[in-house]
Amino acid sequence: MMKRLLSLIIIVFFLPWFLMMYLILIFSPLMAVSDIFAVINYEAPKDNLYFVMLFLISFTLWLSLRVPSFRKIYTRYPFLWPFSQMLFISLVGLAFGLFFMNLWAEDEILSKPFAILLAFISFFLVRAFMSYWFKKYPISIKMFK
């Protein structure tokens, strides 16, 4: 009884947090791309809070896989885990891309073309890694059984 009550309390507190982090995960790549374009257009740095968001999102995803009662989310909706992996890995590349663009816009450590090239390369590398990752570990429901 106590274990069930504890599980229910944890789910009540975790589910809103998970939904909020998942919404952030869905919209943050779009926000990062718009921030990169804003840095290019206005030549002014933008706040790069994406590394903090990556930490919070990765902790939430780790918790959702580690706790068996939370893992039921992925058995009920099996597309969530691969989708969250794709968004998370893309956000890593975009966060580094914005970091390189801010190096140009704020401190002028890099030239503008070189910062754009590094941003493109960072996104390209994470996309190549994602291709390798999903070739090595194909998307399957079997991993949750």
N, C-alpha and C. Protein backbone atom coordinates (compact mmCIF):
# COMPACT_ATOMS: atom_id res chain seq x y z
N MET A 1 0.82 -1.19 0.00
CA MET A 1 0.00 0.00 0.00
C MET A 1 0.86 1.26 0.00
N MET A 2 1.87 1.25 0.86
CA MET A 2 2.74 2.42 0.96
C MET A 2 3.53 2.64 -0.34
N LYS A 3 3.96 1.53 -0.93
CA LYS A 3 4.71 1.62 -2.19
C LYS A 3 3.84 2.19 -3.30
N ARG A 4 2.58 1.78 -3.32
CA ARG A 4 1.66 2.28 -4.33
C ARG A 4 1.35 3.77 -4.13
N LEU A 5 1.21 4.15 -2.89
CA LEU A 5 0.95 5.55 -2.56
C LEU A 5 2.15 6.42 -2.94
N LEU A 6 3.34 5.94 -2.65
CA LEU A 6 4.55 6.66 -3.01
C LEU A 6 4.68 6.77 -4.53
N SER A 7 4.37 5.69 -5.21
CA SER A 7 4.42 5.71 -6.67
C SER A 7 3.42 6.71 -7.25
N LEU A 8 2.24 6.77 -6.68
CA LEU A 8 1.22 7.71 -7.14
C LEU A 8 1.65 9.15 -6.90
N ILE A 9 2.23 9.42 -5.75
CA ILE A 9 2.70 10.77 -5.44
C ILE A 9 3.81 11.18 -6.39
N ILE A 10 4.72 10.27 -6.65
CA ILE A 10 5.82 10.58 -7.57
C ILE A 10 5.30 10.85 -8.97
N ILE A 11 4.34 10.07 -9.41
CA ILE A 11 3.78 10.27 -10.75
C ILE A 11 3.04 11.60 -10.83
N VAL A 12 2.33 11.96 -9.79
CA VAL A 12 1.59 13.23 -9.79
C VAL A 12 2.55 14.41 -9.91
N PHE A 13 3.71 14.32 -9.25
CA PHE A 13 4.67 15.41 -9.34
C PHE A 13 5.53 15.33 -10.59
N PHE A 14 5.81 14.12 -11.05
CA PHE A 14 6.70 13.96 -12.19
C PHE A 14 6.00 14.25 -13.52
N LEU A 15 4.75 13.85 -13.67
CA LEU A 15 4.07 14.00 -14.95
C LEU A 15 3.98 15.45 -15.43
N PRO A 16 3.62 16.42 -14.60
CA PRO A 16 3.64 17.81 -15.10
C PRO A 16 5.04 18.28 -15.46
N TRP A 17 6.04 17.89 -14.65
CA TRP A 17 7.42 18.24 -14.95
C TRP A 17 7.85 17.63 -16.28
N PHE A 18 7.51 16.36 -16.49
CA PHE A 18 7.87 15.69 -17.74
C PHE A 18 7.20 16.36 -18.93
N LEU A 19 5.93 16.70 -18.80
CA LEU A 19 5.23 17.37 -19.91
C LEU A 19 5.84 18.73 -20.21
N MET A 20 6.19 19.47 -19.16
CA MET A 20 6.80 20.78 -19.37
C MET A 20 8.16 20.63 -20.06
N MET A 21 8.98 19.69 -19.60
CA MET A 21 10.29 19.48 -20.22
C MET A 21 10.15 18.98 -21.65
N TYR A 22 9.13 18.17 -21.90
CA TYR A 22 8.94 17.67 -23.26
C TYR A 22 8.48 18.78 -24.20
N LEU A 23 7.65 19.67 -23.72
CA LEU A 23 7.27 20.82 -24.55
C LEU A 23 8.47 21.71 -24.83
N ILE A 24 9.30 21.90 -23.82
CA ILE A 24 10.54 22.67 -24.04
C ILE A 24 11.42 21.97 -25.05
N LEU A 25 11.51 20.64 -24.95
CA LEU A 25 12.32 19.87 -25.89
C LEU A 25 11.78 19.98 -27.31
N ILE A 26 10.49 20.03 -27.47
CA ILE A 26 9.90 20.14 -28.81
C ILE A 26 10.16 21.51 -29.43
N PHE A 27 10.00 22.57 -28.64
CA PHE A 27 10.10 23.91 -29.20
C PHE A 27 11.50 24.52 -29.14
N SER A 28 12.39 23.96 -28.35
CA SER A 28 13.71 24.58 -28.22
C SER A 28 14.57 24.51 -29.49
N PRO A 29 14.52 23.46 -30.33
CA PRO A 29 15.27 23.57 -31.58
C PRO A 29 14.79 24.71 -32.48
N LEU A 30 13.50 24.94 -32.50
CA LEU A 30 12.98 26.06 -33.29
C LEU A 30 13.45 27.40 -32.73
N MET A 31 13.45 27.49 -31.40
CA MET A 31 13.92 28.72 -30.77
C MET A 31 15.41 28.93 -31.01
N ALA A 32 16.19 27.84 -30.98
CA ALA A 32 17.64 27.96 -31.19
C ALA A 32 17.95 28.39 -32.62
N VAL A 33 17.23 27.85 -33.58
CA VAL A 33 17.44 28.26 -34.97
C VAL A 33 17.09 29.74 -35.14
N SER A 34 15.99 30.17 -34.54
CA SER A 34 15.63 31.59 -34.67
C SER A 34 16.64 32.48 -33.94
N ASP A 35 17.22 31.99 -32.83
CA ASP A 35 18.26 32.77 -32.15
C ASP A 35 19.52 32.87 -33.00
N ILE A 36 19.89 31.79 -33.67
CA ILE A 36 21.07 31.83 -34.54
C ILE A 36 20.86 32.82 -35.68
N PHE A 37 19.68 32.79 -36.29
CA PHE A 37 19.40 33.74 -37.37
C PHE A 37 19.34 35.17 -36.85
N ALA A 38 18.86 35.35 -35.62
CA ALA A 38 18.82 36.70 -35.04
C ALA A 38 20.23 37.22 -34.79
N VAL A 39 21.13 36.35 -34.36
CA VAL A 39 22.53 36.77 -34.15
C VAL A 39 23.15 37.16 -35.49
N ILE A 40 22.87 36.41 -36.52
CA ILE A 40 23.42 36.72 -37.85
C ILE A 40 22.84 38.04 -38.37
N ASN A 41 21.54 38.23 -38.24
CA ASN A 41 20.89 39.43 -38.80
C ASN A 41 21.22 40.69 -38.02
N TYR A 42 21.14 40.63 -36.69
CA TYR A 42 21.30 41.83 -35.87
C TYR A 42 22.72 42.03 -35.36
N GLU A 43 23.56 41.04 -35.55
CA GLU A 43 24.97 41.10 -35.13
C GLU A 43 25.09 41.43 -33.65
N ALA A 44 24.19 40.89 -32.87
CA ALA A 44 24.20 41.08 -31.41
C ALA A 44 24.04 39.70 -30.77
N PRO A 45 24.73 39.46 -29.66
CA PRO A 45 24.64 38.13 -29.04
C PRO A 45 23.28 37.88 -28.40
N LYS A 46 22.93 36.62 -28.32
CA LYS A 46 21.70 36.19 -27.65
C LYS A 46 22.08 35.32 -26.46
N ASP A 47 21.21 35.27 -25.47
CA ASP A 47 21.46 34.40 -24.33
C ASP A 47 21.41 32.95 -24.78
N ASN A 48 22.41 32.19 -24.36
CA ASN A 48 22.47 30.78 -24.71
C ASN A 48 22.13 29.95 -23.48
N LEU A 49 20.84 29.83 -23.21
CA LEU A 49 20.38 29.03 -22.08
C LEU A 49 20.14 27.58 -22.47
N TYR A 50 20.52 27.22 -23.68
CA TYR A 50 20.22 25.88 -24.16
C TYR A 50 21.05 24.81 -23.46
N PHE A 51 22.22 25.15 -22.96
CA PHE A 51 23.00 24.17 -22.22
C PHE A 51 22.33 23.86 -20.88
N VAL A 52 21.73 24.85 -20.26
CA VAL A 52 20.98 24.62 -19.02
C VAL A 52 19.74 23.79 -19.32
N MET A 53 19.06 24.12 -20.41
CA MET A 53 17.89 23.33 -20.80
C MET A 53 18.28 21.90 -21.12
N LEU A 54 19.44 21.71 -21.76
CA LEU A 54 19.89 20.35 -22.06
C LEU A 54 20.13 19.56 -20.78
N PHE A 55 20.69 20.22 -19.77
CA PHE A 55 20.90 19.54 -18.49
C PHE A 55 19.57 19.12 -17.87
N LEU A 56 18.62 20.03 -17.81
CA LEU A 56 17.32 19.71 -17.21
C LEU A 56 16.57 18.65 -18.00
N ILE A 57 16.62 18.76 -19.31
CA ILE A 57 15.94 17.78 -20.16
C ILE A 57 16.60 16.42 -20.03
N SER A 58 17.93 16.39 -20.02
CA SER A 58 18.61 15.09 -19.91
C SER A 58 18.34 14.45 -18.56
N PHE A 59 18.28 15.24 -17.50
CA PHE A 59 17.94 14.68 -16.19
C PHE A 59 16.52 14.13 -16.19
N THR A 60 15.60 14.84 -16.80
CA THR A 60 14.21 14.37 -16.87
C THR A 60 14.11 13.09 -17.69
N LEU A 61 14.80 13.03 -18.83
CA LEU A 61 14.76 11.83 -19.65
C LEU A 61 15.43 10.65 -18.93
N TRP A 62 16.52 10.92 -18.24
CA TRP A 62 17.17 9.86 -17.48
C TRP A 62 16.25 9.33 -16.38
N LEU A 63 15.58 10.24 -15.70
CA LEU A 63 14.66 9.84 -14.64
C LEU A 63 13.49 9.06 -15.21
N SER A 64 13.02 9.46 -16.37
CA SER A 64 11.88 8.77 -16.97
C SER A 64 12.25 7.36 -17.42
N LEU A 65 13.52 7.10 -17.69
CA LEU A 65 13.95 5.75 -18.04
C LEU A 65 14.35 4.94 -16.82
N ARG A 66 14.83 5.59 -15.81
CA ARG A 66 15.37 4.90 -14.63
C ARG A 66 14.28 4.37 -13.71
N VAL A 67 13.21 5.12 -13.53
CA VAL A 67 12.13 4.73 -12.62
C VAL A 67 11.10 3.90 -13.41
N PRO A 68 10.84 2.67 -12.96
CA PRO A 68 9.92 1.81 -13.73
C PRO A 68 8.52 2.38 -13.91
N SER A 69 8.00 3.08 -12.92
CA SER A 69 6.65 3.63 -13.08
C SER A 69 6.62 4.77 -14.10
N PHE A 70 7.74 5.46 -14.27
CA PHE A 70 7.81 6.51 -15.29
C PHE A 70 8.04 5.92 -16.68
N ARG A 71 8.69 4.78 -16.73
CA ARG A 71 9.00 4.16 -18.01
C ARG A 71 7.75 3.71 -18.74
N LYS A 72 6.65 3.60 -18.02
CA LYS A 72 5.39 3.20 -18.65
C LYS A 72 4.93 4.21 -19.70
N ILE A 73 5.42 5.43 -19.60
CA ILE A 73 5.09 6.44 -20.61
C ILE A 73 5.56 5.98 -21.98
N TYR A 74 6.76 5.38 -22.02
CA TYR A 74 7.32 4.95 -23.30
C TYR A 74 6.71 3.66 -23.80
N THR A 75 6.18 2.83 -22.92
CA THR A 75 5.49 1.64 -23.40
C THR A 75 4.10 2.00 -23.93
N ARG A 76 3.52 3.02 -23.35
CA ARG A 76 2.21 3.45 -23.83
C ARG A 76 2.32 4.24 -25.14
N TYR A 77 3.35 5.10 -25.21
CA TYR A 77 3.61 5.89 -26.42
C TYR A 77 5.03 5.58 -26.89
N PRO A 78 5.21 4.53 -27.68
CA PRO A 78 6.58 4.09 -28.03
C PRO A 78 7.34 5.06 -28.93
N PHE A 79 6.68 5.99 -29.56
CA PHE A 79 7.39 6.94 -30.43
C PHE A 79 8.08 8.04 -29.64
N LEU A 80 7.76 8.21 -28.35
CA LEU A 80 8.31 9.32 -27.58
C LEU A 80 9.82 9.22 -27.38
N TRP A 81 10.33 8.02 -27.10
CA TRP A 81 11.76 7.91 -26.82
C TRP A 81 12.62 8.22 -28.05
N PRO A 82 12.37 7.62 -29.23
CA PRO A 82 13.19 8.00 -30.39
C PRO A 82 13.02 9.45 -30.80
N PHE A 83 11.81 9.96 -30.66
CA PHE A 83 11.55 11.35 -31.00
C PHE A 83 12.32 12.29 -30.06
N SER A 84 12.32 11.95 -28.78
CA SER A 84 13.06 12.78 -27.82
C SER A 84 14.56 12.68 -28.05
N GLN A 85 15.06 11.52 -28.46
CA GLN A 85 16.48 11.40 -28.80
C GLN A 85 16.83 12.30 -29.97
N MET A 86 16.02 12.29 -31.01
CA MET A 86 16.29 13.12 -32.18
C MET A 86 16.29 14.61 -31.82
N LEU A 87 15.31 15.02 -31.06
CA LEU A 87 15.24 16.43 -30.68
C LEU A 87 16.40 16.82 -29.77
N PHE A 88 16.75 15.95 -28.83
CA PHE A 88 17.83 16.24 -27.89
C PHE A 88 19.16 16.37 -28.61
N ILE A 89 19.45 15.44 -29.50
CA ILE A 89 20.72 15.47 -30.22
C ILE A 89 20.78 16.69 -31.14
N SER A 90 19.67 17.03 -31.78
CA SER A 90 19.63 18.23 -32.62
C SER A 90 19.85 19.49 -31.79
N LEU A 91 19.28 19.51 -30.59
CA LEU A 91 19.44 20.68 -29.72
C LEU A 91 20.89 20.83 -29.27
N VAL A 92 21.60 19.74 -29.10
CA VAL A 92 23.02 19.82 -28.74
C VAL A 92 23.79 20.55 -29.84
N GLY A 93 23.56 20.17 -31.09
CA GLY A 93 24.25 20.83 -32.20
C GLY A 93 23.87 22.29 -32.33
N LEU A 94 22.60 22.60 -32.12
CA LEU A 94 22.17 23.99 -32.22
C LEU A 94 22.70 24.83 -31.07
N ALA A 95 22.81 24.23 -29.89
CA ALA A 95 23.37 24.97 -28.74
C ALA A 95 24.83 25.32 -29.00
N PHE A 96 25.58 24.39 -29.56
CA PHE A 96 26.97 24.70 -29.90
C PHE A 96 27.04 25.70 -31.06
N GLY A 97 26.11 25.61 -32.00
CA GLY A 97 26.06 26.59 -33.08
C GLY A 97 25.83 27.99 -32.56
N LEU A 98 24.91 28.15 -31.62
CA LEU A 98 24.67 29.46 -31.03
C LEU A 98 25.86 29.91 -30.20
N PHE A 99 26.53 28.97 -29.56
CA PHE A 99 27.74 29.30 -28.81
C PHE A 99 28.81 29.89 -29.73
N PHE A 100 29.01 29.27 -30.89
CA PHE A 100 30.00 29.80 -31.85
C PHE A 100 29.58 31.15 -32.41
N MET A 101 28.28 31.31 -32.65
CA MET A 101 27.81 32.60 -33.16
C MET A 101 27.98 33.70 -32.10
N ASN A 102 27.79 33.36 -30.84
CA ASN A 102 28.00 34.35 -29.78
C ASN A 102 29.48 34.68 -29.60
N LEU A 103 30.35 33.72 -29.88
CA LEU A 103 31.78 34.04 -29.85
C LEU A 103 32.12 35.12 -30.86
N TRP A 104 31.43 35.10 -31.98
CA TRP A 104 31.65 36.15 -32.98
C TRP A 104 30.97 37.45 -32.56
N ALA A 105 29.70 37.36 -32.18
CA ALA A 105 28.91 38.58 -31.96
C ALA A 105 29.30 39.32 -30.69
N GLU A 106 29.70 38.59 -29.67
CA GLU A 106 29.97 39.25 -28.39
C GLU A 106 31.42 39.67 -28.25
N ASP A 107 32.33 38.74 -28.47
CA ASP A 107 33.74 39.01 -28.20
C ASP A 107 34.59 39.16 -29.46
N GLU A 108 34.02 38.88 -30.60
CA GLU A 108 34.72 38.90 -31.89
C GLU A 108 35.97 38.05 -31.87
N ILE A 109 35.85 36.90 -31.23
CA ILE A 109 36.95 35.94 -31.21
C ILE A 109 37.07 35.27 -32.57
N LEU A 110 35.93 35.02 -33.20
CA LEU A 110 35.88 34.41 -34.52
C LEU A 110 35.36 35.43 -35.53
N SER A 111 35.71 35.22 -36.78
CA SER A 111 35.11 36.06 -37.82
C SER A 111 33.70 35.54 -38.11
N LYS A 112 32.89 36.39 -38.73
CA LYS A 112 31.50 36.02 -39.00
C LYS A 112 31.40 34.79 -39.90
N PRO A 113 32.11 34.73 -41.03
CA PRO A 113 32.00 33.53 -41.87
C PRO A 113 32.49 32.26 -41.16
N PHE A 114 33.55 32.39 -40.35
CA PHE A 114 34.06 31.23 -39.65
C PHE A 114 33.09 30.77 -38.57
N ALA A 115 32.43 31.70 -37.89
CA ALA A 115 31.43 31.35 -36.88
C ALA A 115 30.23 30.65 -37.52
N ILE A 116 29.80 31.15 -38.68
CA ILE A 116 28.70 30.51 -39.40
C ILE A 116 29.12 29.11 -39.84
N LEU A 117 30.36 28.98 -40.31
CA LEU A 117 30.86 27.67 -40.72
C LEU A 117 30.91 26.71 -39.53
N LEU A 118 31.39 27.16 -38.38
CA LEU A 118 31.45 26.30 -37.20
C LEU A 118 30.04 25.92 -36.72
N ALA A 119 29.10 26.85 -36.81
CA ALA A 119 27.72 26.54 -36.43
C ALA A 119 27.15 25.47 -37.36
N PHE A 120 27.40 25.62 -38.65
CA PHE A 120 26.93 24.63 -39.62
C PHE A 120 27.60 23.28 -39.39
N ILE A 121 28.91 23.28 -39.13
CA ILE A 121 29.63 22.04 -38.89
C ILE A 121 29.13 21.35 -37.63
N SER A 122 28.85 22.11 -36.58
CA SER A 122 28.36 21.50 -35.34
C SER A 122 27.01 20.84 -35.56
N PHE A 123 26.14 21.50 -36.30
CA PHE A 123 24.85 20.89 -36.59
C PHE A 123 25.01 19.69 -37.50
N PHE A 124 25.88 19.78 -38.48
CA PHE A 124 26.12 18.66 -39.40
C PHE A 124 26.70 17.46 -38.65
N LEU A 125 27.61 17.70 -37.72
CA LEU A 125 28.21 16.59 -36.97
C LEU A 125 27.20 15.87 -36.09
N VAL A 126 26.32 16.60 -35.45
CA VAL A 126 25.33 15.92 -34.63
C VAL A 126 24.30 15.19 -35.49
N ARG A 127 24.02 15.71 -36.66
CA ARG A 127 23.12 14.99 -37.56
C ARG A 127 23.79 13.71 -38.10
N ALA A 128 25.09 13.79 -38.38
CA ALA A 128 25.81 12.58 -38.80
C ALA A 128 25.87 11.57 -37.66
N PHE A 129 26.08 12.06 -36.43
CA PHE A 129 26.07 11.17 -35.28
C PHE A 129 24.71 10.52 -35.11
N MET A 130 23.66 11.28 -35.33
CA MET A 130 22.31 10.73 -35.21
C MET A 130 22.07 9.65 -36.26
N SER A 131 22.57 9.86 -37.47
CA SER A 131 22.44 8.83 -38.50
C SER A 131 23.17 7.56 -38.10
N TYR A 132 24.38 7.73 -37.59
CA TYR A 132 25.15 6.58 -37.12
C TYR A 132 24.44 5.88 -35.96
N TRP A 133 23.92 6.67 -35.03
CA TRP A 133 23.27 6.12 -33.83
C TRP A 133 22.04 5.30 -34.21
N PHE A 134 21.20 5.81 -35.09
CA PHE A 134 19.99 5.09 -35.44
C PHE A 134 20.25 3.97 -36.43
N LYS A 135 21.41 3.98 -37.08
CA LYS A 135 21.77 2.81 -37.88
C LYS A 135 22.26 1.69 -36.97
N LYS A 136 23.03 2.05 -35.95
CA LYS A 136 23.55 1.05 -35.02
C LYS A 136 22.44 0.53 -34.10
N TYR A 137 21.58 1.42 -33.62
CA TYR A 137 20.47 1.06 -32.75
C TYR A 137 19.16 1.50 -33.40
N PRO A 138 18.60 0.65 -34.27
CA PRO A 138 17.36 1.04 -34.96
C PRO A 138 16.21 1.26 -33.99
N ILE A 139 15.29 2.08 -34.41
CA ILE A 139 14.13 2.37 -33.58
C ILE A 139 13.26 1.11 -33.53
N SER A 140 13.00 0.66 -32.31
CA SER A 140 12.24 -0.56 -32.13
C SER A 140 11.51 -0.53 -30.80
N ILE A 141 10.38 -1.16 -30.76
CA ILE A 141 9.61 -1.27 -29.51
C ILE A 141 10.24 -2.33 -28.61
N LYS A 142 11.05 -3.21 -29.15
CA LYS A 142 11.62 -4.30 -28.38
C LYS A 142 12.48 -3.83 -27.24
N MET A 143 13.05 -2.63 -27.35
CA MET A 143 13.94 -2.15 -26.30
C MET A 143 13.22 -1.83 -25.00
N PHE A 144 11.90 -1.71 -25.03
CA PHE A 144 11.16 -1.39 -23.83
C PHE A 144 10.52 -2.63 -23.20
N LYS A 145 10.72 -3.78 -23.78
CA LYS A 145 10.14 -5.01 -23.22
C LYS A 145 11.10 -5.73 -22.33
